[in-house]
């Protein structure tokens, strides 16, 4: 089994509800997203899938979030735009697209900061 990973960055703000019930102040992050893909076979070029293909799919998924307030987007009206939910939402969107390309999405990791991240794993 081969594994490859690609990453993209985007900027967006969000605010999470604290345990007290109040929203924390809205704040901006430069998020980093990493998608890890696995495949058993390589194509004629010796690749599982072209990095550029995965990059294009990932960029398409995050483009709706770039330079936005995540709290104001429809998909986050019922769920908080936490790092964990961002990873899950991206995984769900990216998985369907990559299956059509013959590879399996293993994991999406979202880094809120250099030292804080959350991942969603397809099991």
N, C-alpha and C. Protein backbone atom coordinates (compact mmCIF):
# COMPACT_ATOMS: atom_id res chain seq x y z
N UNK A 1 0.86 -1.18 0.00
CA UNK A 1 0.00 0.00 0.00
C UNK A 1 0.89 1.23 0.00
N UNK A 2 0.59 2.16 -0.88
CA UNK A 2 1.31 3.42 -0.96
C UNK A 2 0.48 4.52 -0.31
N UNK A 3 1.18 5.51 0.24
CA UNK A 3 0.51 6.63 0.90
C UNK A 3 1.16 7.92 0.41
N UNK A 4 0.32 8.87 0.03
CA UNK A 4 0.83 10.19 -0.33
C UNK A 4 0.03 11.24 0.44
N UNK A 5 0.61 12.41 0.58
CA UNK A 5 -0.08 13.50 1.29
C UNK A 5 0.16 14.81 0.55
N UNK A 6 -0.86 15.64 0.53
CA UNK A 6 -0.75 16.98 -0.03
C UNK A 6 -1.33 17.95 0.99
N UNK A 7 -0.93 19.21 0.89
CA UNK A 7 -1.45 20.20 1.82
C UNK A 7 -1.77 21.49 1.10
N UNK A 8 -2.65 22.25 1.71
CA UNK A 8 -3.06 23.56 1.22
C UNK A 8 -3.28 24.45 2.44
N UNK A 9 -3.21 25.75 2.22
CA UNK A 9 -3.51 26.71 3.28
C UNK A 9 -4.67 27.60 2.85
N UNK A 10 -5.39 28.08 3.84
CA UNK A 10 -6.42 29.08 3.60
C UNK A 10 -6.58 29.91 4.85
N UNK A 11 -7.14 31.10 4.68
CA UNK A 11 -7.39 31.99 5.81
C UNK A 11 -8.88 32.06 6.04
N UNK A 12 -9.28 31.97 7.29
CA UNK A 12 -10.69 32.11 7.65
C UNK A 12 -10.79 32.39 9.14
N UNK A 13 -11.86 33.06 9.51
CA UNK A 13 -12.10 33.33 10.93
C UNK A 13 -13.20 32.41 11.44
N UNK A 14 -13.24 32.26 12.75
CA UNK A 14 -14.30 31.50 13.40
C UNK A 14 -14.38 31.90 14.86
N UNK A 15 -15.46 31.48 15.49
CA UNK A 15 -15.64 31.64 16.93
C UNK A 15 -16.33 30.39 17.43
N UNK A 16 -15.82 29.86 18.51
CA UNK A 16 -16.36 28.63 19.10
C UNK A 16 -17.07 29.00 20.40
N UNK A 17 -18.17 28.32 20.66
CA UNK A 17 -18.90 28.54 21.92
C UNK A 17 -18.12 27.88 23.06
N UNK A 18 -17.83 28.64 24.09
CA UNK A 18 -17.12 28.12 25.26
C UNK A 18 -18.07 27.25 26.09
N UNK A 19 -17.53 26.52 27.02
CA UNK A 19 -18.36 25.67 27.88
C UNK A 19 -19.37 26.48 28.69
N UNK A 20 -19.11 27.76 28.87
CA UNK A 20 -20.05 28.63 29.59
C UNK A 20 -21.27 28.98 28.73
N UNK A 21 -21.19 28.68 27.43
CA UNK A 21 -22.29 28.99 26.53
C UNK A 21 -22.07 30.24 25.71
N UNK A 22 -21.11 31.05 26.11
CA UNK A 22 -20.80 32.28 25.39
C UNK A 22 -19.82 31.97 24.25
N UNK A 23 -19.93 32.75 23.18
CA UNK A 23 -18.96 32.61 22.11
C UNK A 23 -17.66 33.30 22.48
N UNK A 24 -16.57 32.66 22.15
CA UNK A 24 -15.28 33.33 22.29
C UNK A 24 -15.22 34.42 21.23
N UNK A 25 -14.34 35.38 21.38
CA UNK A 25 -14.22 36.39 20.33
C UNK A 25 -13.83 35.75 19.00
N UNK A 26 -14.41 36.25 17.92
CA UNK A 26 -14.03 35.75 16.59
C UNK A 26 -12.56 36.07 16.32
N UNK A 27 -11.90 35.18 15.64
CA UNK A 27 -10.48 35.37 15.37
C UNK A 27 -10.11 34.67 14.07
N UNK A 28 -9.05 35.16 13.46
CA UNK A 28 -8.58 34.68 12.16
C UNK A 28 -7.45 33.67 12.34
N UNK A 29 -7.47 32.65 11.49
CA UNK A 29 -6.37 31.69 11.44
C UNK A 29 -5.89 31.57 10.00
N UNK A 30 -4.64 31.20 9.84
CA UNK A 30 -4.17 30.69 8.57
C UNK A 30 -4.14 29.18 8.75
N UNK A 31 -5.20 28.53 8.32
CA UNK A 31 -5.37 27.09 8.48
C UNK A 31 -4.48 26.36 7.48
N UNK A 32 -4.04 25.19 7.88
CA UNK A 32 -3.33 24.31 6.96
C UNK A 32 -4.09 22.98 6.96
N UNK A 33 -4.37 22.47 5.78
CA UNK A 33 -5.10 21.22 5.62
C UNK A 33 -4.20 20.23 4.92
N UNK A 34 -4.13 19.03 5.46
CA UNK A 34 -3.36 17.96 4.82
C UNK A 34 -4.27 16.78 4.55
N UNK A 35 -4.26 16.31 3.31
CA UNK A 35 -5.04 15.13 2.92
C UNK A 35 -4.08 13.99 2.63
N UNK A 36 -4.34 12.84 3.25
CA UNK A 36 -3.51 11.66 3.06
C UNK A 36 -4.32 10.62 2.28
N UNK A 37 -3.75 10.15 1.19
CA UNK A 37 -4.41 9.24 0.26
C UNK A 37 -3.61 7.96 0.19
N UNK A 38 -4.29 6.82 0.08
CA UNK A 38 -3.62 5.54 -0.06
C UNK A 38 -4.10 4.84 -1.32
N UNK A 39 -3.22 4.01 -1.88
CA UNK A 39 -3.57 3.23 -3.05
C UNK A 39 -2.64 2.04 -3.18
N UNK A 40 -3.13 0.98 -3.75
CA UNK A 40 -2.33 -0.24 -3.92
C UNK A 40 -1.50 -0.23 -5.20
N UNK A 41 -2.00 0.44 -6.21
CA UNK A 41 -1.36 0.37 -7.52
C UNK A 41 -0.82 1.73 -7.93
N UNK A 42 0.17 1.66 -8.82
CA UNK A 42 0.71 2.88 -9.41
C UNK A 42 0.31 2.91 -10.88
N UNK A 43 0.25 4.13 -11.42
CA UNK A 43 -0.08 4.27 -12.84
C UNK A 43 1.18 4.12 -13.68
N UNK A 44 1.06 4.35 -14.97
CA UNK A 44 2.19 4.18 -15.88
C UNK A 44 3.35 5.12 -15.58
N UNK A 45 3.07 6.22 -14.86
CA UNK A 45 4.14 7.16 -14.52
C UNK A 45 4.83 6.81 -13.22
N UNK A 46 4.37 5.73 -12.56
CA UNK A 46 4.96 5.33 -11.29
C UNK A 46 4.38 6.05 -10.09
N UNK A 47 3.18 6.60 -10.25
CA UNK A 47 2.52 7.34 -9.17
C UNK A 47 1.21 6.68 -8.78
N UNK A 48 0.85 6.81 -7.52
CA UNK A 48 -0.47 6.36 -7.06
C UNK A 48 -1.53 7.25 -7.67
N UNK A 49 -1.30 8.54 -7.60
CA UNK A 49 -2.13 9.56 -8.24
C UNK A 49 -1.26 10.81 -8.34
N UNK A 50 -1.47 11.58 -9.34
CA UNK A 50 -0.70 12.81 -9.52
C UNK A 50 -1.00 13.75 -8.36
N UNK A 51 0.04 14.27 -7.71
CA UNK A 51 -0.15 15.22 -6.61
C UNK A 51 -1.06 16.37 -7.03
N UNK A 52 -0.89 16.84 -8.26
CA UNK A 52 -1.66 17.98 -8.74
C UNK A 52 -3.16 17.69 -8.76
N UNK A 53 -3.54 16.46 -9.02
CA UNK A 53 -4.96 16.09 -9.03
C UNK A 53 -5.53 16.21 -7.62
N UNK A 54 -4.81 15.69 -6.64
CA UNK A 54 -5.28 15.77 -5.25
C UNK A 54 -5.29 17.22 -4.79
N UNK A 55 -4.26 17.97 -5.16
CA UNK A 55 -4.21 19.39 -4.81
C UNK A 55 -5.43 20.14 -5.36
N UNK A 56 -5.76 19.86 -6.62
CA UNK A 56 -6.90 20.53 -7.25
C UNK A 56 -8.20 20.21 -6.52
N UNK A 57 -8.41 18.94 -6.16
CA UNK A 57 -9.62 18.55 -5.43
C UNK A 57 -9.66 19.22 -4.06
N UNK A 58 -8.53 19.24 -3.36
CA UNK A 58 -8.48 19.84 -2.04
C UNK A 58 -8.75 21.34 -2.13
N UNK A 59 -8.13 22.00 -3.08
CA UNK A 59 -8.34 23.45 -3.25
C UNK A 59 -9.81 23.73 -3.55
N UNK A 60 -10.43 22.90 -4.36
CA UNK A 60 -11.85 23.07 -4.66
C UNK A 60 -12.70 22.99 -3.40
N UNK A 61 -12.36 22.06 -2.52
CA UNK A 61 -13.13 21.88 -1.28
C UNK A 61 -12.98 23.07 -0.34
N UNK A 62 -11.79 23.62 -0.22
CA UNK A 62 -11.58 24.70 0.75
C UNK A 62 -11.83 26.09 0.18
N UNK A 63 -12.03 26.19 -1.11
CA UNK A 63 -12.20 27.51 -1.73
C UNK A 63 -13.42 28.26 -1.17
N UNK A 64 -14.47 27.52 -0.79
CA UNK A 64 -15.67 28.17 -0.24
C UNK A 64 -15.42 28.75 1.15
N UNK A 65 -14.35 28.32 1.80
CA UNK A 65 -14.05 28.79 3.15
C UNK A 65 -13.01 29.89 3.17
N UNK A 66 -12.23 30.02 2.11
CA UNK A 66 -11.10 30.94 2.08
C UNK A 66 -11.57 32.39 2.23
N UNK A 67 -10.96 33.09 3.16
CA UNK A 67 -11.25 34.50 3.45
C UNK A 67 -12.69 34.73 3.89
N UNK A 68 -13.25 33.79 4.60
CA UNK A 68 -14.64 33.89 5.08
C UNK A 68 -14.67 33.78 6.61
N UNK A 69 -15.81 34.17 7.18
CA UNK A 69 -16.11 33.87 8.57
C UNK A 69 -16.87 32.55 8.54
N UNK A 70 -16.28 31.50 9.05
CA UNK A 70 -16.88 30.17 8.96
C UNK A 70 -18.23 30.09 9.67
N UNK A 71 -18.41 30.87 10.73
CA UNK A 71 -19.68 30.86 11.46
C UNK A 71 -20.85 31.32 10.59
N UNK A 72 -20.57 32.05 9.53
CA UNK A 72 -21.62 32.59 8.68
C UNK A 72 -21.96 31.69 7.49
N UNK A 73 -21.24 30.60 7.32
CA UNK A 73 -21.48 29.69 6.20
C UNK A 73 -22.57 28.69 6.55
N UNK A 74 -23.40 28.36 5.60
CA UNK A 74 -24.55 27.48 5.82
C UNK A 74 -24.22 26.16 6.48
N UNK A 75 -23.12 25.54 6.10
CA UNK A 75 -22.79 24.23 6.66
C UNK A 75 -22.44 24.29 8.14
N UNK A 76 -22.13 25.48 8.64
CA UNK A 76 -21.77 25.62 10.05
C UNK A 76 -22.83 26.34 10.88
N UNK A 77 -24.03 26.44 10.35
CA UNK A 77 -25.10 27.05 11.13
C UNK A 77 -25.61 26.10 12.22
N UNK A 78 -25.54 24.80 11.97
CA UNK A 78 -26.01 23.80 12.94
C UNK A 78 -24.89 23.09 13.69
N UNK A 79 -23.66 23.20 13.18
CA UNK A 79 -22.51 22.59 13.85
C UNK A 79 -21.44 23.66 14.03
N UNK A 80 -20.67 23.58 15.10
CA UNK A 80 -19.65 24.61 15.31
C UNK A 80 -18.48 24.42 14.34
N UNK A 81 -17.90 25.52 13.87
CA UNK A 81 -16.76 25.41 12.97
C UNK A 81 -15.45 25.13 13.75
N UNK A 82 -15.48 24.07 14.50
CA UNK A 82 -14.28 23.67 15.24
C UNK A 82 -13.30 22.99 14.29
N UNK A 83 -12.09 22.87 14.71
CA UNK A 83 -11.07 22.21 13.89
C UNK A 83 -11.49 20.78 13.58
N UNK A 84 -12.09 20.11 14.56
CA UNK A 84 -12.53 18.73 14.36
C UNK A 84 -13.61 18.64 13.27
N UNK A 85 -14.59 19.54 13.33
CA UNK A 85 -15.65 19.52 12.31
C UNK A 85 -15.13 19.92 10.93
N UNK A 86 -14.17 20.82 10.89
CA UNK A 86 -13.58 21.17 9.60
C UNK A 86 -12.93 19.94 8.98
N UNK A 87 -12.20 19.18 9.78
CA UNK A 87 -11.56 17.96 9.27
C UNK A 87 -12.60 16.97 8.75
N UNK A 88 -13.69 16.79 9.50
CA UNK A 88 -14.75 15.86 9.09
C UNK A 88 -15.44 16.33 7.82
N UNK A 89 -15.78 17.59 7.74
CA UNK A 89 -16.45 18.13 6.55
C UNK A 89 -15.57 17.98 5.30
N UNK A 90 -14.30 18.31 5.44
CA UNK A 90 -13.39 18.16 4.31
C UNK A 90 -13.21 16.71 3.90
N UNK A 91 -13.12 15.83 4.90
CA UNK A 91 -13.00 14.40 4.59
C UNK A 91 -14.19 13.94 3.76
N UNK A 92 -15.39 14.29 4.21
CA UNK A 92 -16.60 13.86 3.52
C UNK A 92 -16.64 14.37 2.08
N UNK A 93 -16.26 15.63 1.88
CA UNK A 93 -16.29 16.21 0.54
C UNK A 93 -15.23 15.59 -0.37
N UNK A 94 -14.04 15.43 0.17
CA UNK A 94 -12.91 14.96 -0.62
C UNK A 94 -13.00 13.47 -0.93
N UNK A 95 -13.55 12.70 -0.02
CA UNK A 95 -13.60 11.25 -0.18
C UNK A 95 -14.35 10.85 -1.46
N UNK A 96 -15.50 11.42 -1.69
CA UNK A 96 -16.30 11.06 -2.86
C UNK A 96 -15.55 11.36 -4.15
N UNK A 97 -14.89 12.50 -4.20
CA UNK A 97 -14.16 12.91 -5.40
C UNK A 97 -12.98 11.99 -5.67
N UNK A 98 -12.24 11.64 -4.64
CA UNK A 98 -11.03 10.83 -4.84
C UNK A 98 -11.35 9.38 -5.16
N UNK A 99 -12.48 8.88 -4.70
CA UNK A 99 -12.87 7.50 -5.04
C UNK A 99 -13.03 7.36 -6.54
N UNK A 100 -13.53 8.40 -7.19
CA UNK A 100 -13.68 8.39 -8.65
C UNK A 100 -12.33 8.30 -9.34
N UNK A 101 -11.26 8.73 -8.65
CA UNK A 101 -9.90 8.67 -9.21
C UNK A 101 -9.18 7.38 -8.84
N UNK A 102 -9.88 6.46 -8.17
CA UNK A 102 -9.31 5.15 -7.88
C UNK A 102 -8.40 5.07 -6.67
N UNK A 103 -8.45 6.07 -5.80
CA UNK A 103 -7.66 6.04 -4.57
C UNK A 103 -8.58 6.22 -3.38
N UNK A 104 -8.06 5.92 -2.21
CA UNK A 104 -8.84 6.01 -0.98
C UNK A 104 -8.29 7.11 -0.10
N UNK A 105 -9.17 7.97 0.38
CA UNK A 105 -8.77 9.00 1.33
C UNK A 105 -8.63 8.36 2.69
N UNK A 106 -7.45 8.45 3.27
CA UNK A 106 -7.18 7.84 4.58
C UNK A 106 -7.46 8.81 5.72
N UNK A 107 -7.05 10.07 5.53
CA UNK A 107 -7.11 11.01 6.65
C UNK A 107 -7.07 12.44 6.15
N UNK A 108 -7.78 13.30 6.86
CA UNK A 108 -7.66 14.75 6.65
C UNK A 108 -7.28 15.36 8.00
N UNK A 109 -6.21 16.12 7.99
CA UNK A 109 -5.75 16.82 9.19
C UNK A 109 -5.87 18.31 8.94
N UNK A 110 -6.42 19.01 9.92
CA UNK A 110 -6.55 20.46 9.85
C UNK A 110 -5.74 21.05 11.00
N UNK A 111 -4.81 21.92 10.66
CA UNK A 111 -4.01 22.62 11.66
C UNK A 111 -4.57 24.01 11.85
N UNK A 112 -5.04 24.28 13.05
CA UNK A 112 -5.55 25.61 13.40
C UNK A 112 -4.38 26.55 13.64
N UNK A 113 -3.36 26.03 14.29
CA UNK A 113 -2.10 26.74 14.49
C UNK A 113 -0.99 25.74 14.23
N UNK A 114 0.21 26.20 14.31
CA UNK A 114 1.37 25.34 14.12
C UNK A 114 1.39 24.18 15.13
N UNK A 115 0.80 24.41 16.31
CA UNK A 115 0.87 23.42 17.38
C UNK A 115 -0.44 22.74 17.72
N UNK A 116 -1.53 23.06 17.02
CA UNK A 116 -2.84 22.50 17.33
C UNK A 116 -3.51 21.99 16.06
N UNK A 117 -3.86 20.70 16.07
CA UNK A 117 -4.50 20.12 14.89
C UNK A 117 -5.54 19.09 15.30
N UNK A 118 -6.38 18.76 14.34
CA UNK A 118 -7.36 17.69 14.51
C UNK A 118 -7.42 16.92 13.21
N UNK A 119 -7.65 15.62 13.30
CA UNK A 119 -7.73 14.77 12.13
C UNK A 119 -9.02 13.99 12.13
N UNK A 120 -9.51 13.68 10.93
CA UNK A 120 -10.61 12.74 10.77
C UNK A 120 -10.08 11.61 9.89
N UNK A 121 -10.25 10.38 10.40
CA UNK A 121 -9.72 9.21 9.71
C UNK A 121 -10.86 8.38 9.13
N UNK A 122 -10.67 7.94 7.91
CA UNK A 122 -11.62 7.01 7.31
C UNK A 122 -11.21 5.60 7.69
N UNK A 123 -12.08 4.92 8.37
CA UNK A 123 -11.72 3.56 8.82
C UNK A 123 -12.59 2.52 8.18
